[in-house]
Amino acid sequence: MVTDSFFDEWFMQAMEYSIYDKAISEEAIKAYETNDNGSLLSKTAGFSFDSAPVAAELAMMTAVWTELIEPMTLGLLDYDENYDKMMQQLKKAGLDKYMEEYQKQYSEWYAQNKK
């Protein structure tokens, strides 16, 4: 049984299931299918953050997202006028504690998994 969650487009981005329009050249298909050859895997690949220790902080930061950040990203609130307020509310919600926990978990994971 698979309990992992997948991003919505996982199937559409699975190369082995790709079907191309006849108008697309073999050269273009090859370029698409090999565009990441030789690339380096991110140092964070395989890391999964456990937010349970900071669940309360995450919930409060999510409220800040809904109230300020999302409207700012949509252009409904002016960024310059609301940035300081947003940062104050994120700090009050526990951003520093959240970041410390994230760094702690990542550092522990990285120390165990670096090659």
C-alpha atoms as a PDB file:
ATOM      1  CA  MET A   1       0.000   0.000   0.000  1.00  0.00           C
ATOM      2  CA  VAL A   2       1.377   3.389  -0.981  1.00  0.00           C
ATOM      3  CA  THR A   3       0.847   6.126   1.589  1.00  0.00           C
ATOM      4  CA  ASP A   4       3.074   8.708  -0.087  1.00  0.00           C
ATOM      5  CA  SER A   5       1.405  11.725  -1.594  1.00  0.00           C
ATOM      6  CA  PHE A   6       2.127  12.632  -5.183  1.00  0.00           C
ATOM      7  CA  PHE A   7       2.090  16.049  -6.794  1.00  0.00           C
ATOM      8  CA  ASP A   8      -0.911  16.416  -9.085  1.00  0.00           C
ATOM      9  CA  GLU A   9       1.060  16.398 -12.312  1.00  0.00           C
ATOM     10  CA  TRP A  10       3.281  13.389 -11.525  1.00  0.00           C
ATOM     11  CA  PHE A  11       1.787  11.283 -14.306  1.00  0.00           C
ATOM     12  CA  MET A  12       2.030  14.045 -16.897  1.00  0.00           C
ATOM     13  CA  GLN A  13       5.740  14.430 -16.145  1.00  0.00           C
ATOM     14  CA  ALA A  14       6.597  10.727 -16.203  1.00  0.00           C
ATOM     15  CA  MET A  15       8.845  10.427 -19.273  1.00  0.00           C
ATOM     16  CA  GLU A  16       8.058   6.771 -19.885  1.00  0.00           C
ATOM     17  CA  TYR A  17       4.393   7.670 -20.533  1.00  0.00           C
ATOM     18  CA  SER A  18       5.048  10.583 -22.885  1.00  0.00           C
ATOM     19  CA  ILE A  19       3.296  10.618 -26.254  1.00  0.00           C
ATOM     20  CA  TYR A  20       4.306  13.336 -28.689  1.00  0.00           C
ATOM     21  CA  ASP A  21       2.435  15.042 -31.478  1.00  0.00           C
ATOM     22  CA  LYS A  22       3.723  14.051 -34.917  1.00  0.00           C
ATOM     23  CA  ALA A  23       4.590  17.703 -35.565  1.00  0.00           C
ATOM     24  CA  ILE A  24       7.299  17.590 -32.876  1.00  0.00           C
ATOM     25  CA  SER A  25      10.697  16.688 -34.281  1.00  0.00           C
ATOM     26  CA  GLU A  26      12.805  13.804 -33.017  1.00  0.00           C
ATOM     27  CA  GLU A  27      15.470  16.384 -32.159  1.00  0.00           C
ATOM     28  CA  ALA A  28      13.051  18.319 -29.953  1.00  0.00           C
ATOM     29  CA  ILE A  29      11.880  15.116 -28.251  1.00  0.00           C
ATOM     30  CA  LYS A  30      15.459  14.033 -27.573  1.00  0.00           C
ATOM     31  CA  ALA A  31      16.316  17.493 -26.171  1.00  0.00           C
ATOM     32  CA  TYR A  32      13.281  17.329 -23.881  1.00  0.00           C
ATOM     33  CA  GLU A  33      13.967  13.802 -22.687  1.00  0.00           C
ATOM     34  CA  THR A  34      17.664  14.412 -21.996  1.00  0.00           C
ATOM     35  CA  ASN A  35      17.589  17.978 -20.658  1.00  0.00           C
ATOM     36  CA  ASP A  36      18.695  16.908 -17.186  1.00  0.00           C
ATOM     37  CA  ASN A  37      21.465  14.506 -18.219  1.00  0.00           C
ATOM     38  CA  GLY A  38      24.601  15.325 -16.254  1.00  0.00           C
ATOM     39  CA  SER A  39      22.765  17.393 -13.671  1.00  0.00           C
ATOM     40  CA  LEU A  40      23.611  17.056  -9.996  1.00  0.00           C
ATOM     41  CA  LEU A  41      21.101  15.822  -7.458  1.00  0.00           C
ATOM     42  CA  SER A  42      20.238  18.441  -4.848  1.00  0.00           C
ATOM     43  CA  LYS A  43      21.819  18.028  -1.410  1.00  0.00           C
ATOM     44  CA  THR A  44      18.273  18.110  -0.031  1.00  0.00           C
ATOM     45  CA  ALA A  45      16.987  15.193  -2.141  1.00  0.00           C
ATOM     46  CA  GLY A  46      15.503  12.629   0.218  1.00  0.00           C
ATOM     47  CA  PHE A  47      14.995  15.007   3.141  1.00  0.00           C
ATOM     48  CA  SER A  48      11.471  15.177   4.541  1.00  0.00           C
ATOM     49  CA  PHE A  49      10.648  17.690   7.259  1.00  0.00           C
ATOM     50  CA  ASP A  50       8.522  16.471  10.186  1.00  0.00           C
ATOM     51  CA  SER A  51       6.412  19.471  11.177  1.00  0.00           C
ATOM     52  CA  ALA A  52       4.866  17.743  14.222  1.00  0.00           C
ATOM     53  CA  PRO A  53       7.241  19.424  16.732  1.00  0.00           C
ATOM     54  CA  VAL A  54       6.179  22.855  15.427  1.00  0.00           C
ATOM     55  CA  ALA A  55       2.562  22.121  14.497  1.00  0.00           C
ATOM     56  CA  ALA A  56       1.190  25.045  16.521  1.00  0.00           C
ATOM     57  CA  GLU A  57       3.644  27.464  14.929  1.00  0.00           C
ATOM     58  CA  LEU A  58       2.859  26.124  11.469  1.00  0.00           C
ATOM     59  CA  ALA A  59      -0.862  26.615  12.048  1.00  0.00           C
ATOM     60  CA  MET A  60      -0.315  30.221  13.126  1.00  0.00           C
ATOM     61  CA  MET A  61       2.002  30.903  10.182  1.00  0.00           C
ATOM     62  CA  THR A  62      -0.588  29.403   7.839  1.00  0.00           C
ATOM     63  CA  ALA A  63      -3.070  31.952   9.173  1.00  0.00           C
ATOM     64  CA  VAL A  64      -0.582  34.716   8.326  1.00  0.00           C
ATOM     65  CA  TRP A  65      -0.267  33.205   4.851  1.00  0.00           C
ATOM     66  CA  THR A  66      -4.022  33.362   4.367  1.00  0.00           C
ATOM     67  CA  GLU A  67      -4.396  36.852   5.829  1.00  0.00           C
ATOM     68  CA  LEU A  68      -1.377  38.621   4.300  1.00  0.00           C
ATOM     69  CA  ILE A  69       0.979  36.639   2.120  1.00  0.00           C
ATOM     70  CA  GLU A  70      -1.516  35.144  -0.294  1.00  0.00           C
ATOM     71  CA  PRO A  71      -3.260  38.493  -0.934  1.00  0.00           C
ATOM     72  CA  MET A  72       0.187  40.059  -1.461  1.00  0.00           C
ATOM     73  CA  THR A  73       1.164  37.409  -4.012  1.00  0.00           C
ATOM     74  CA  LEU A  74      -2.120  37.984  -5.826  1.00  0.00           C
ATOM     75  CA  GLY A  75      -1.566  41.737  -5.904  1.00  0.00           C
ATOM     76  CA  LEU A  76      -4.512  42.469  -3.627  1.00  0.00           C
ATOM     77  CA  LEU A  77      -2.314  43.970  -0.907  1.00  0.00           C
ATOM     78  CA  ASP A  78       0.641  46.246  -1.535  1.00  0.00           C
ATOM     79  CA  TYR A  79       3.894  44.407  -0.832  1.00  0.00           C
ATOM     80  CA  ASP A  80       5.880  47.420   0.396  1.00  0.00           C
ATOM     81  CA  GLU A  81       3.106  48.550   2.735  1.00  0.00           C
ATOM     82  CA  ASN A  82       2.557  45.096   4.239  1.00  0.00           C
ATOM     83  CA  TYR A  83       5.996  43.444   4.305  1.00  0.00           C
ATOM     84  CA  ASP A  84       6.972  44.639   7.800  1.00  0.00           C
ATOM     85  CA  LYS A  85       3.565  43.687   9.212  1.00  0.00           C
ATOM     86  CA  MET A  86       3.829  40.265   7.591  1.00  0.00           C
ATOM     87  CA  MET A  87       7.296  39.643   9.043  1.00  0.00           C
ATOM     88  CA  GLN A  88       6.194  40.795  12.512  1.00  0.00           C
ATOM     89  CA  GLN A  89       3.215  38.444  12.405  1.00  0.00           C
ATOM     90  CA  LEU A  90       5.322  35.541  11.156  1.00  0.00           C
ATOM     91  CA  LYS A  91       7.841  36.119  13.952  1.00  0.00           C
ATOM     92  CA  LYS A  92       5.008  36.335  16.494  1.00  0.00           C
ATOM     93  CA  ALA A  93       3.555  33.099  15.072  1.00  0.00           C
ATOM     94  CA  GLY A  94       6.844  31.289  15.680  1.00  0.00           C
ATOM     95  CA  LEU A  95       8.857  31.596  12.466  1.00  0.00           C
ATOM     96  CA  ASP A  96      12.181  31.490  14.341  1.00  0.00           C
ATOM     97  CA  LYS A  97      11.225  28.333  16.253  1.00  0.00           C
ATOM     98  CA  TYR A  98      10.000  26.747  13.023  1.00  0.00           C
ATOM     99  CA  MET A  99      13.243  27.599  11.212  1.00  0.00           C
ATOM    100  CA  GLU A 100      15.361  26.303  14.119  1.00  0.00           C
ATOM    101  CA  GLU A 101      13.478  22.993  14.042  1.00  0.00           C
ATOM    102  CA  TYR A 102      13.826  22.759  10.275  1.00  0.00           C
ATOM    103  CA  GLN A 103      17.562  23.472  10.458  1.00  0.00           C
ATOM    104  CA  LYS A 104      17.999  20.947  13.286  1.00  0.00           C
ATOM    105  CA  GLN A 105      16.244  18.177  11.369  1.00  0.00           C
ATOM    106  CA  TYR A 106      18.016  18.965   8.126  1.00  0.00           C
ATOM    107  CA  SER A 107      21.446  19.119   9.788  1.00  0.00           C
ATOM    108  CA  GLU A 108      20.863  15.759  11.473  1.00  0.00           C
ATOM    109  CA  TRP A 109      19.639  14.204   8.231  1.00  0.00           C
ATOM    110  CA  TYR A 110      22.493  15.680   6.205  1.00  0.00           C
ATOM    111  CA  ALA A 111      25.146  14.477   8.667  1.00  0.00           C
ATOM    112  CA  GLN A 112      23.761  10.952   8.333  1.00  0.00           C
ATOM    113  CA  ASN A 113      23.368  11.041   4.542  1.00  0.00           C
ATOM    114  CA  LYS A 114      26.238  13.045   3.098  1.00  0.00           C
ATOM    115  CA  LYS A 115      28.554  11.112   0.855  1.00  0.00           C
END
